Amino acid sequence: MSIELKVSFKLLLVLQIILHFSQEEEIISRKQVIKWKGVLLDFTDVNYNETLWPIIYEDRIEDDIDCASSLDPEALDECSSDVSWFGSWLRWCPTSLSLLREAEKTLLSNLKSSYRGQYVNVGCAVGNAESHIWTISLNRDSKNVPLVLLHGFGSGVGLWCLNLDSLSADRPVYAMDIIGFGRSSRPSFTKDPLEAEREFITTIELWQEKLALDKFILLGHSFGGFLAASYAIKHPERIHHLILADPWGFPERPLDVAERYKFPFWVKAIGAVLQPFNPLFIVRTAGPWGPKLLQKARPDLSRKFSGMVADTEEVIPNYLYHCNAQNPSGESAFHTLMAGFGWAKYPMIQRIDSLRKGMPMTLIYGSRSWVDHDPGFQIKYMRKDSYVDVQVILGAGHHVYADRAEVFNNLVNNIGKHVDNGTLPKLNPDAPRRNSEDSHGDAGVTLINMINVRNDDIRDESTVQADTNVSAEEDLD
């Protein structure tokens, strides 16, 4: 029986505590959020050895293994009368791949452009059975350089719905559900963080080989940004331009978290209970109450899409629920890679100097995001002989592609136009060095938002009057 089922009663008790504080609307400051994340991090046991990271990128001669052929996930009988713990779990969680497919279709029905969906077989890149990556593509007949999109943790291709029309206007766009997430196969990853990361980037390479993309612009958000950077180090010949949107896993984990901050016992207790489990286990433990839990926990996500998606308060939580209520394969791998709620065990900042000299990079941050901007400026300093641009979009949080979709799309399209022309965009000289406290000051967050690793500050549209004149809008020649 799954460990998640064994501890369901304890976890529901924790959920009750969290919801209690959320209902009380205990508003805390931005500095408190950072401190509380830090103390939760202190419960994580990190076996850190920075000398091991290059094994991710070494070419391997794999032993011959039996690779079992497999149908794509939705061709399997997902509603069979399975008596295993997994079948029992699916009956507790009202989800299925067919429901996820319908939730995705509802989101993507808001697109004006036509798209194609397909499963791409990447063989036995993870485990000993074939895996399939769900992929949508737009404007495939265009002769311009393709753009590949990697979503963030716990997400899927559906959340690019605010971007796909604009980004595909002049070029082919390919968006995948990263292996272990969304509608893609959910194999069992290794428990070694370096090998798990290697499995992720191997599937991306096999995916592009099957699609014969050869060379493309690679854009990754959050966890997808971490994987995009890792992939670019291993396969620099594939990348025309690397775009990292609020990337997770770049800064080093602080060494003195416990010494810096003192917190109430109950905060430490919740941290100790949550630490061994996958980040979104509460969604599955809540069973049939999961969709309502997401509605209450992340109303900010729904608001981001309200301008385009009808019934967004139902549609967005429903899509995210079905993305995350199933077998948490990719989520478990992410848990293996992470050191607490905001750091990677093997931070990308320590290996970014291995990125091929001369590869153009653009880092796009939200000014209101919990993600630290400093690594972007550190990379710019470290790679003085290469093009590195840092853009901070005012008024945007961690989901920078949705918070200020038009500005984000303009930035990416401007990069694409320069790639097509063999030129580089004008560097942005005026981006703020650090996350501005002023931009966070009016954004209160509750305990439930703080615990969520994907949290970004609640965006109050009436108070955000951000200047949208970013360099992409000025550099159109």
Protein backbone atom coordinates (compact mmCIF):
# COMPACT_ATOMS: atom_id res chain seq x y z
CA MET A 1 0.00 0.00 0.00
CA SER A 2 1.19 3.52 -0.82
CA ILE A 3 2.87 5.47 1.94
CA GLU A 4 0.54 8.34 1.02
CA LEU A 5 -2.48 6.21 1.91
CA LYS A 6 -0.93 4.90 5.12
CA VAL A 7 -0.51 8.40 6.52
CA SER A 8 -3.69 9.90 5.06
CA PHE A 9 -5.30 10.61 8.44
CA LYS A 10 -2.22 12.41 9.74
CA LEU A 11 -1.92 14.41 6.56
CA LEU A 12 -5.56 15.42 6.62
CA LEU A 13 -4.97 16.69 10.15
CA VAL A 14 -2.09 18.80 8.85
CA LEU A 15 -4.38 19.97 6.05
CA GLN A 16 -6.95 21.05 8.62
CA ILE A 17 -4.33 23.10 10.44
CA ILE A 18 -3.19 24.76 7.22
CA LEU A 19 -6.74 25.55 6.12
CA HIS A 20 -7.51 26.94 9.56
CA PHE A 21 -4.75 29.50 9.26
CA SER A 22 -5.77 30.22 5.67
CA GLN A 23 -9.38 30.84 6.71
CA GLU A 24 -8.22 33.11 9.47
CA GLU A 25 -6.40 35.07 6.74
CA GLU A 26 -3.33 35.49 8.85
CA ILE A 27 -1.44 37.93 6.62
CA ILE A 28 2.33 37.91 6.87
CA SER A 29 4.97 40.07 5.30
CA ARG A 30 7.27 39.15 2.43
CA LYS A 31 10.26 38.91 4.79
CA GLN A 32 8.33 36.51 7.03
CA VAL A 33 7.50 34.33 4.03
CA ILE A 34 11.18 34.04 3.16
CA LYS A 35 12.07 33.22 6.76
CA TRP A 36 9.34 30.60 7.12
CA LYS A 37 10.41 28.89 3.91
CA GLY A 38 13.88 28.86 5.34
CA VAL A 39 12.91 27.18 8.58
CA LEU A 40 10.92 24.55 6.67
CA LEU A 41 14.00 23.96 4.55
CA ASP A 42 16.01 23.28 7.69
CA PHE A 43 14.18 19.96 8.08
CA THR A 44 15.61 18.66 4.82
CA ASP A 45 18.58 16.32 4.97
CA VAL A 46 20.80 17.23 2.02
CA ASN A 47 23.68 14.99 1.05
CA TYR A 48 25.53 17.62 -0.92
CA ASN A 49 28.61 16.87 -2.96
CA GLU A 50 29.22 19.41 -5.69
CA THR A 51 32.06 17.35 -7.20
CA LEU A 52 29.58 14.75 -8.49
CA TRP A 53 27.51 16.91 -10.81
CA PRO A 54 29.46 16.32 -14.08
CA ILE A 55 28.25 12.69 -14.23
CA ILE A 56 24.94 14.05 -15.49
CA TYR A 57 26.60 15.12 -18.70
CA GLU A 58 28.95 12.19 -19.31
CA ASP A 59 28.18 9.92 -22.24
CA ARG A 60 27.27 6.47 -21.01
CA ILE A 61 27.43 3.02 -22.55
CA GLU A 62 24.26 1.46 -21.24
CA ASP A 63 24.00 -2.23 -20.55
CA ASP A 64 21.52 -4.07 -22.74
CA ILE A 65 18.20 -4.15 -20.95
CA ASP A 66 14.84 -5.53 -21.87
CA CYS A 67 12.74 -2.60 -23.07
CA ALA A 68 9.12 -3.53 -22.94
CA SER A 69 6.93 -2.01 -25.63
CA SER A 70 4.07 0.05 -24.30
CA LEU A 71 1.02 1.90 -25.58
CA ASP A 72 0.72 5.58 -24.90
CA PRO A 73 -0.89 6.36 -21.50
CA GLU A 74 -4.37 7.08 -22.85
CA ALA A 75 -4.47 3.93 -24.95
CA LEU A 76 -4.23 1.86 -21.80
CA ASP A 77 -7.33 0.77 -19.93
CA GLU A 78 -7.12 3.35 -17.15
CA CYS A 79 -10.53 2.41 -15.78
CA SER A 80 -9.85 -1.30 -15.35
CA SER A 81 -10.99 -2.98 -12.16
CA ASP A 82 -7.55 -2.86 -10.61
CA VAL A 83 -7.41 -4.19 -7.06
CA SER A 84 -3.94 -2.79 -6.42
CA TRP A 85 -3.28 0.17 -4.13
CA PHE A 86 -2.98 2.39 -7.23
CA GLY A 87 -6.44 1.41 -8.47
CA SER A 88 -7.78 2.00 -4.97
CA TRP A 89 -6.10 5.40 -4.89
CA LEU A 90 -7.64 6.44 -8.23
CA ARG A 91 -11.08 5.56 -6.87
CA TRP A 92 -10.40 7.83 -3.88
CA CYS A 93 -9.12 10.63 -6.16
CA PRO A 94 -11.81 11.41 -8.76
CA THR A 95 -9.38 11.63 -11.66
CA SER A 96 -8.35 9.85 -14.83
CA LEU A 97 -6.38 10.59 -17.97
CA SER A 98 -9.61 11.08 -19.89
CA LEU A 99 -10.69 13.76 -17.39
CA LEU A 100 -7.28 15.42 -17.71
CA ARG A 101 -7.62 15.31 -21.50
CA GLU A 102 -11.00 17.02 -21.31
CA ALA A 103 -9.70 19.63 -18.85
CA GLU A 104 -6.81 20.42 -21.20
CA LYS A 105 -9.14 20.66 -24.20
CA THR A 106 -11.30 23.13 -22.31
CA LEU A 107 -8.28 25.35 -21.69
CA LEU A 108 -6.89 25.10 -25.21
CA SER A 109 -10.31 25.73 -26.78
CA ASN A 110 -9.63 29.39 -25.99
CA LEU A 111 -6.85 29.47 -28.60
CA LYS A 112 -7.48 31.17 -31.92
CA SER A 113 -4.80 29.10 -33.66
CA SER A 114 -5.17 25.45 -34.55
CA TYR A 115 -2.87 22.96 -32.85
CA ARG A 116 -1.89 19.35 -33.22
CA GLY A 117 -1.56 16.92 -30.32
CA GLN A 118 0.50 13.74 -30.41
CA TYR A 119 2.37 11.26 -28.26
CA VAL A 120 6.11 10.96 -28.93
CA ASN A 121 7.66 7.61 -27.99
CA VAL A 122 11.01 8.15 -26.23
CA GLY A 123 11.70 4.49 -25.55
CA CYS A 124 13.10 3.25 -22.24
CA ALA A 125 14.77 6.48 -21.19
CA VAL A 126 13.28 6.01 -17.71
CA GLY A 127 12.74 2.49 -16.41
CA ASN A 128 12.39 -0.62 -18.54
CA ALA A 129 9.19 0.21 -20.40
CA GLU A 130 8.61 2.66 -23.22
CA SER A 131 7.54 6.16 -22.23
CA HIS A 132 5.49 8.60 -24.26
CA ILE A 133 5.60 12.41 -24.09
CA TRP A 134 2.41 14.32 -24.80
CA THR A 135 3.16 17.17 -27.22
CA ILE A 136 1.17 19.95 -28.83
CA SER A 137 2.50 21.88 -31.80
CA LEU A 138 1.41 24.96 -33.72
CA ASN A 139 2.40 26.49 -37.08
CA ARG A 140 4.66 23.56 -37.98
CA ASP A 141 4.89 24.66 -41.62
CA SER A 142 6.73 27.86 -40.78
CA LYS A 143 10.36 27.95 -41.92
CA ASN A 144 11.50 30.09 -38.98
CA VAL A 145 13.43 28.70 -36.02
CA PRO A 146 11.18 26.54 -33.78
CA LEU A 147 10.44 27.43 -30.16
CA VAL A 148 10.26 24.64 -27.55
CA LEU A 149 8.41 25.23 -24.25
CA LEU A 150 9.07 23.41 -20.96
CA HIS A 151 6.47 24.05 -18.27
CA GLY A 152 7.05 24.36 -14.53
CA PHE A 153 6.50 21.97 -11.65
CA GLY A 154 3.00 20.52 -11.32
CA SER A 155 1.88 22.11 -14.57
CA GLY A 156 1.28 21.09 -18.18
CA VAL A 157 0.89 22.42 -21.70
CA GLY A 158 -2.53 23.89 -20.90
CA LEU A 159 -1.11 26.75 -18.85
CA TRP A 160 0.63 28.16 -21.95
CA CYS A 161 -2.81 29.09 -23.31
CA LEU A 162 -2.13 32.83 -22.87
CA ASN A 163 1.05 32.57 -24.93
CA LEU A 164 0.60 30.04 -27.72
CA ASP A 165 -1.28 32.23 -30.19
CA SER A 166 1.25 35.04 -30.02
CA LEU A 167 4.37 32.87 -29.87
CA SER A 168 3.30 30.73 -32.84
CA ALA A 169 2.35 33.62 -35.11
CA ASP A 170 5.73 33.59 -36.90
CA ARG A 171 7.34 30.25 -36.02
CA PRO A 172 6.69 26.63 -35.10
CA VAL A 173 5.99 26.13 -31.40
CA TYR A 174 6.26 22.80 -29.57
CA ALA A 175 5.07 22.40 -25.98
CA MET A 176 5.51 19.12 -24.12
CA ASP A 177 4.18 17.71 -20.90
CA ILE A 178 7.51 16.91 -19.23
CA ILE A 179 7.90 13.19 -18.54
CA GLY A 180 6.17 12.33 -15.26
CA PHE A 181 3.75 15.28 -15.52
CA GLY A 182 0.49 16.09 -17.29
CA ARG A 183 -0.62 13.60 -19.92
CA SER A 184 2.85 12.12 -20.45
CA SER A 185 3.92 8.71 -19.16
CA ARG A 186 4.69 8.50 -15.46
CA PRO A 187 7.55 6.04 -15.06
CA SER A 188 9.50 5.44 -11.85
CA PHE A 189 12.62 7.61 -11.72
CA THR A 190 15.77 6.68 -9.86
CA LYS A 191 16.15 8.01 -6.33
CA ASP A 192 19.58 9.51 -7.01
CA PRO A 193 19.17 13.22 -7.81
CA LEU A 194 21.92 13.29 -10.42
CA GLU A 195 20.57 10.26 -12.25
CA ALA A 196 16.99 11.54 -12.02
CA GLU A 197 18.07 14.82 -13.61
CA ARG A 198 19.91 12.85 -16.28
CA GLU A 199 16.73 10.90 -17.03
CA PHE A 200 14.78 14.12 -17.52
CA ILE A 201 17.25 15.63 -20.00
CA THR A 202 17.68 12.30 -21.82
CA THR A 203 13.95 12.20 -22.53
CA ILE A 204 14.08 15.76 -23.90
CA GLU A 205 16.89 14.79 -26.28
CA LEU A 206 15.11 11.62 -27.46
CA TRP A 207 11.92 13.66 -27.91
CA GLN A 208 13.63 16.20 -30.18
CA GLU A 209 15.27 13.41 -32.19
CA LYS A 210 11.88 11.86 -32.91
CA LEU A 211 10.53 15.24 -34.03
CA ALA A 212 13.74 16.04 -35.96
CA LEU A 213 13.89 19.58 -34.58
CA ASP A 214 17.70 19.67 -34.77
CA LYS A 215 18.11 23.25 -33.50
CA PHE A 216 15.65 25.51 -31.69
CA ILE A 217 15.00 28.24 -29.16
CA LEU A 218 14.48 26.62 -25.74
CA LEU A 219 12.26 28.30 -23.15
CA GLY A 220 11.76 26.81 -19.69
CA HIS A 221 9.73 28.15 -16.77
CA SER A 222 10.56 27.41 -13.11
CA PHE A 223 11.48 23.69 -12.91
CA GLY A 224 11.36 23.66 -16.70
CA GLY A 225 13.99 26.42 -16.61
CA PHE A 226 16.23 24.23 -14.47
CA LEU A 227 15.88 21.35 -16.94
CA ALA A 228 16.34 23.68 -19.92
CA ALA A 229 19.66 24.92 -18.53
CA SER A 230 20.81 21.37 -17.79
CA TYR A 231 19.82 20.25 -21.28
CA ALA A 232 21.65 23.21 -22.86
CA ILE A 233 24.87 22.26 -21.02
CA LYS A 234 24.64 18.69 -22.31
CA HIS A 235 23.42 19.51 -25.84
CA PRO A 236 24.59 23.04 -26.71
CA GLU A 237 24.52 22.24 -30.42
CA ARG A 238 20.71 22.15 -30.27
CA ILE A 239 20.16 25.63 -28.86
CA HIS A 240 19.95 28.90 -30.79
CA HIS A 241 18.92 30.90 -27.71
CA LEU A 242 18.23 29.79 -24.12
CA ILE A 243 15.35 31.58 -22.36
CA LEU A 244 14.85 30.95 -18.64
CA ALA A 245 11.63 32.30 -17.13
CA ASP A 246 11.82 32.64 -13.34
CA PRO A 247 13.98 29.49 -13.20
CA TRP A 248 13.94 27.28 -10.11
CA GLY A 249 17.03 25.61 -8.67
CA PHE A 250 19.73 28.16 -9.49
CA PRO A 251 20.90 29.71 -6.16
CA GLU A 252 22.82 27.82 -3.50
CA ARG A 253 21.04 26.74 -0.35
CA PRO A 254 21.87 28.97 2.65
CA LEU A 255 24.02 27.19 5.21
CA ASP A 256 22.87 29.10 8.29
CA VAL A 257 19.09 28.93 7.99
CA ALA A 258 18.49 27.62 11.51
CA GLU A 259 20.84 30.17 13.08
CA ARG A 260 19.25 33.13 11.31
CA TYR A 261 15.60 32.66 12.19
CA LYS A 262 13.48 31.64 15.19
CA PHE A 263 9.94 30.42 14.61
CA PRO A 264 6.95 29.07 16.57
CA PHE A 265 6.99 25.41 17.47
CA TRP A 266 3.90 24.63 15.40
CA VAL A 267 5.61 25.92 12.25
CA LYS A 268 8.55 23.62 12.89
CA ALA A 269 6.19 20.74 13.60
CA ILE A 270 4.35 21.16 10.30
CA GLY A 271 7.69 21.41 8.52
CA ALA A 272 8.85 18.16 10.11
CA VAL A 273 5.65 16.37 9.08
CA LEU A 274 5.69 17.67 5.50
CA GLN A 275 9.37 17.13 4.75
CA PRO A 276 9.34 13.42 3.77
CA PHE A 277 6.44 13.75 1.34
CA ASN A 278 5.99 14.96 -2.20
CA PRO A 279 5.12 18.68 -2.41
CA LEU A 280 1.53 18.16 -3.62
CA PHE A 281 0.60 15.08 -1.60
CA ILE A 282 -2.14 17.06 0.16
CA VAL A 283 -4.03 17.36 -3.14
CA ARG A 284 -4.16 13.57 -3.44
CA THR A 285 -4.78 12.96 0.23
CA ALA A 286 -7.79 15.28 0.10
CA GLY A 287 -9.38 12.91 -2.43
CA PRO A 288 -12.72 14.19 -3.75
CA TRP A 289 -12.15 17.50 -1.96
CA GLY A 290 -8.95 18.12 -3.94
CA PRO A 291 -10.43 20.45 -6.61
CA LYS A 292 -12.07 22.65 -3.97
CA LEU A 293 -8.82 22.67 -2.01
CA LEU A 294 -6.97 24.01 -5.05
CA GLN A 295 -9.66 26.62 -5.60
CA LYS A 296 -9.18 27.87 -2.07
CA ALA A 297 -5.41 27.50 -1.92
CA ARG A 298 -4.55 29.16 -5.24
CA PRO A 299 -7.24 31.69 -6.24
CA ASP A 300 -4.42 33.83 -7.67
CA LEU A 301 -3.77 31.26 -10.40
CA SER A 302 -7.35 31.49 -11.61
CA ARG A 303 -7.24 35.27 -11.68
CA LYS A 304 -4.22 35.23 -13.99
CA PHE A 305 -6.29 33.63 -16.77
CA SER A 306 -9.57 35.47 -16.22
CA GLY A 307 -9.08 37.75 -19.23
CA MET A 308 -9.08 34.86 -21.69
CA VAL A 309 -10.52 31.72 -20.08
CA ALA A 310 -14.23 31.51 -19.33
CA ASP A 311 -15.24 30.13 -15.92
CA THR A 312 -11.62 30.37 -14.87
CA GLU A 313 -12.42 29.74 -11.19
CA GLU A 314 -13.48 26.22 -12.17
CA VAL A 315 -11.39 25.52 -15.26
CA ILE A 316 -7.88 26.28 -13.92
CA PRO A 317 -8.18 24.38 -10.58
CA ASN A 318 -9.83 21.48 -12.42
CA TYR A 319 -6.93 21.25 -14.89
CA LEU A 320 -4.28 21.52 -12.18
CA TYR A 321 -6.08 18.95 -10.05
CA HIS A 322 -6.13 16.34 -12.81
CA CYS A 323 -2.48 17.12 -13.60
CA ASN A 324 -1.45 16.40 -10.01
CA ALA A 325 -3.95 13.92 -8.53
CA GLN A 326 -2.57 10.98 -10.49
CA ASN A 327 0.55 8.87 -10.01
CA PRO A 328 3.11 11.48 -8.75
CA SER A 329 6.01 10.18 -10.83
CA GLY A 330 7.56 13.49 -11.90
CA GLU A 331 6.68 15.05 -8.58
CA SER A 332 8.63 12.33 -6.77
CA ALA A 333 11.61 12.97 -9.04
CA PHE A 334 11.36 16.69 -8.31
CA HIS A 335 11.30 15.88 -4.60
CA THR A 336 14.50 13.87 -5.15
CA LEU A 337 16.15 16.85 -6.82
CA MET A 338 15.09 19.50 -4.33
CA ALA A 339 16.68 20.59 -1.07
CA GLY A 340 13.67 21.95 0.77
CA PHE A 341 11.01 24.13 -0.77
CA GLY A 342 13.11 26.46 -2.85
CA TRP A 343 16.52 25.02 -3.63
CA ALA A 344 18.09 22.24 -5.67
CA LYS A 345 20.52 19.77 -4.15
CA TYR A 346 22.87 20.51 -7.03
CA PRO A 347 22.27 24.19 -7.85
CA MET A 348 22.55 25.28 -11.45
CA ILE A 349 24.61 28.37 -10.59
CA GLN A 350 27.57 26.09 -9.78
CA ARG A 351 27.68 24.59 -13.27
CA ILE A 352 26.47 27.36 -15.54
CA ASP A 353 30.11 28.09 -16.43
CA SER A 354 30.03 24.74 -18.28
CA LEU A 355 27.51 26.18 -20.73
CA ARG A 356 29.08 26.59 -24.15
CA LYS A 357 30.84 29.91 -24.57
CA GLY A 358 28.86 32.24 -26.76
CA MET A 359 25.43 30.64 -26.28
CA PRO A 360 22.93 33.53 -25.96
CA MET A 361 20.84 33.51 -22.77
CA THR A 362 17.93 35.61 -21.59
CA LEU A 363 16.60 35.35 -18.04
CA ILE A 364 13.11 36.73 -17.41
CA TYR A 365 11.98 37.33 -13.83
CA GLY A 366 8.78 38.62 -12.27
CA SER A 367 9.43 41.58 -9.97
CA ARG A 368 6.96 40.15 -7.42
CA SER A 369 8.20 36.56 -7.57
CA TRP A 370 9.60 34.55 -4.67
CA VAL A 371 12.42 33.39 -6.97
CA ASP A 372 15.72 35.19 -6.25
CA HIS A 373 16.84 37.36 -9.18
CA ASP A 374 20.47 37.51 -8.10
CA PRO A 375 21.61 34.35 -9.95
CA GLY A 376 20.64 36.00 -13.22
CA PHE A 377 22.97 38.91 -12.57
CA GLN A 378 25.67 36.55 -11.29
CA ILE A 379 25.47 34.65 -14.58
CA LYS A 380 25.69 37.91 -16.50
CA TYR A 381 28.89 38.72 -14.58
CA MET A 382 30.31 35.20 -14.97
CA ARG A 383 29.68 35.09 -18.73
CA LYS A 384 31.05 38.47 -19.76
CA ASP A 385 32.22 37.01 -23.07
CA SER A 386 28.70 35.79 -23.95
CA TYR A 387 25.31 37.40 -24.48
CA VAL A 388 23.34 37.34 -21.21
CA ASP A 389 20.28 39.56 -20.83
CA VAL A 390 18.28 39.89 -17.60
CA GLN A 391 14.72 41.17 -17.86
CA VAL A 392 12.55 41.89 -14.82
CA ILE A 393 8.87 42.33 -15.68
CA LEU A 394 7.21 44.71 -13.26
CA GLY A 395 3.95 43.58 -11.66
CA ALA A 396 4.56 39.91 -12.46
CA GLY A 397 4.98 37.08 -9.97
CA HIS A 398 6.47 33.63 -10.41
CA HIS A 399 4.02 32.81 -13.21
CA VAL A 400 5.53 35.60 -15.25
CA TYR A 401 4.23 34.15 -18.55
CA ALA A 402 0.63 34.57 -17.30
CA ASP A 403 0.83 37.63 -15.03
CA ARG A 404 2.02 39.90 -17.83
CA ALA A 405 1.42 37.69 -20.83
CA GLU A 406 1.59 40.44 -23.46
CA VAL A 407 4.91 41.79 -22.20
CA PHE A 408 6.30 38.27 -21.85
CA ASN A 409 5.18 37.33 -25.37
CA ASN A 410 6.74 40.50 -26.80
CA LEU A 411 10.06 39.68 -25.17
CA VAL A 412 10.11 36.12 -26.49
CA ASN A 413 8.93 37.12 -29.97
CA ASN A 414 11.62 39.79 -30.14
CA ILE A 415 14.26 37.19 -29.31
CA GLY A 416 12.83 34.89 -31.97
CA LYS A 417 12.92 37.61 -34.62
CA HIS A 418 16.61 38.27 -33.89
CA VAL A 419 17.40 34.54 -34.00
CA ASP A 420 15.77 34.33 -37.43
CA ASN A 421 17.89 37.28 -38.58
CA GLY A 422 21.11 36.01 -37.03
CA THR A 423 21.33 38.99 -34.66
CA LEU A 424 21.03 39.58 -30.90
CA PRO A 425 18.50 41.79 -29.10
CA LYS A 426 19.63 44.93 -27.36
CA LEU A 427 20.71 44.27 -23.78
CA ASN A 428 18.59 45.65 -20.99
CA PRO A 429 20.84 47.92 -18.86
CA ASP A 430 18.32 49.05 -16.27
CA ALA A 431 16.91 45.89 -14.71
CA PRO A 432 16.79 46.07 -10.88
CA ARG A 433 19.45 44.00 -9.15
CA ARG A 434 17.27 42.47 -6.44
CA ASN A 435 13.64 41.65 -5.83
CA SER A 436 12.22 45.01 -4.85
CA GLU A 437 10.71 45.12 -1.38
CA ASP A 438 8.55 47.99 -2.61
CA SER A 439 6.95 45.78 -5.19
CA HIS A 440 6.06 43.19 -2.53
CA GLY A 441 4.93 45.52 0.21
CA ASP A 442 1.20 45.43 -0.50
CA ALA A 443 1.04 41.76 -1.35
CA GLY A 444 -0.01 39.80 1.72
CA VAL A 445 0.08 36.01 1.64
CA THR A 446 -1.40 33.38 3.86
CA LEU A 447 0.24 30.32 5.35
CA ILE A 448 -1.15 28.02 2.68
CA ASN A 449 0.43 30.17 -0.04
CA MET A 450 3.77 30.20 1.79
CA ILE A 451 3.99 26.42 1.99
CA ASN A 452 3.32 25.92 -1.73
CA VAL A 453 6.64 25.67 -3.58
CA ARG A 454 4.98 27.19 -6.65
CA ASN A 455 3.63 30.16 -4.70
CA ASP A 456 3.89 33.68 -5.96
CA ASP A 457 2.48 36.77 -4.33
CA ILE A 458 -1.23 37.43 -4.67
CA ARG A 459 -1.55 40.00 -7.42
CA ASP A 460 -4.02 42.79 -6.64
CA GLU A 461 -4.94 44.27 -10.01
CA SER A 462 -6.12 47.51 -8.42
CA THR A 463 -2.71 48.22 -6.91
CA VAL A 464 -0.38 46.99 -9.65
CA GLN A 465 0.43 49.89 -11.97
CA ALA A 466 3.53 48.46 -13.60
CA ASP A 467 5.49 50.11 -16.36
CA THR A 468 5.29 47.80 -19.39
CA ASN A 469 7.88 49.61 -21.48
CA VAL A 470 10.45 46.82 -21.42
CA SER A 471 13.27 46.71 -23.86
CA ALA A 472 11.47 44.22 -26.12
CA GLU A 473 8.89 46.87 -26.95
CA GLU A 474 11.61 49.41 -27.65
CA ASP A 475 13.84 47.10 -29.67
CA LEU A 476 11.65 46.22 -32.63
CA ASP A 477 14.00 47.26 -35.41
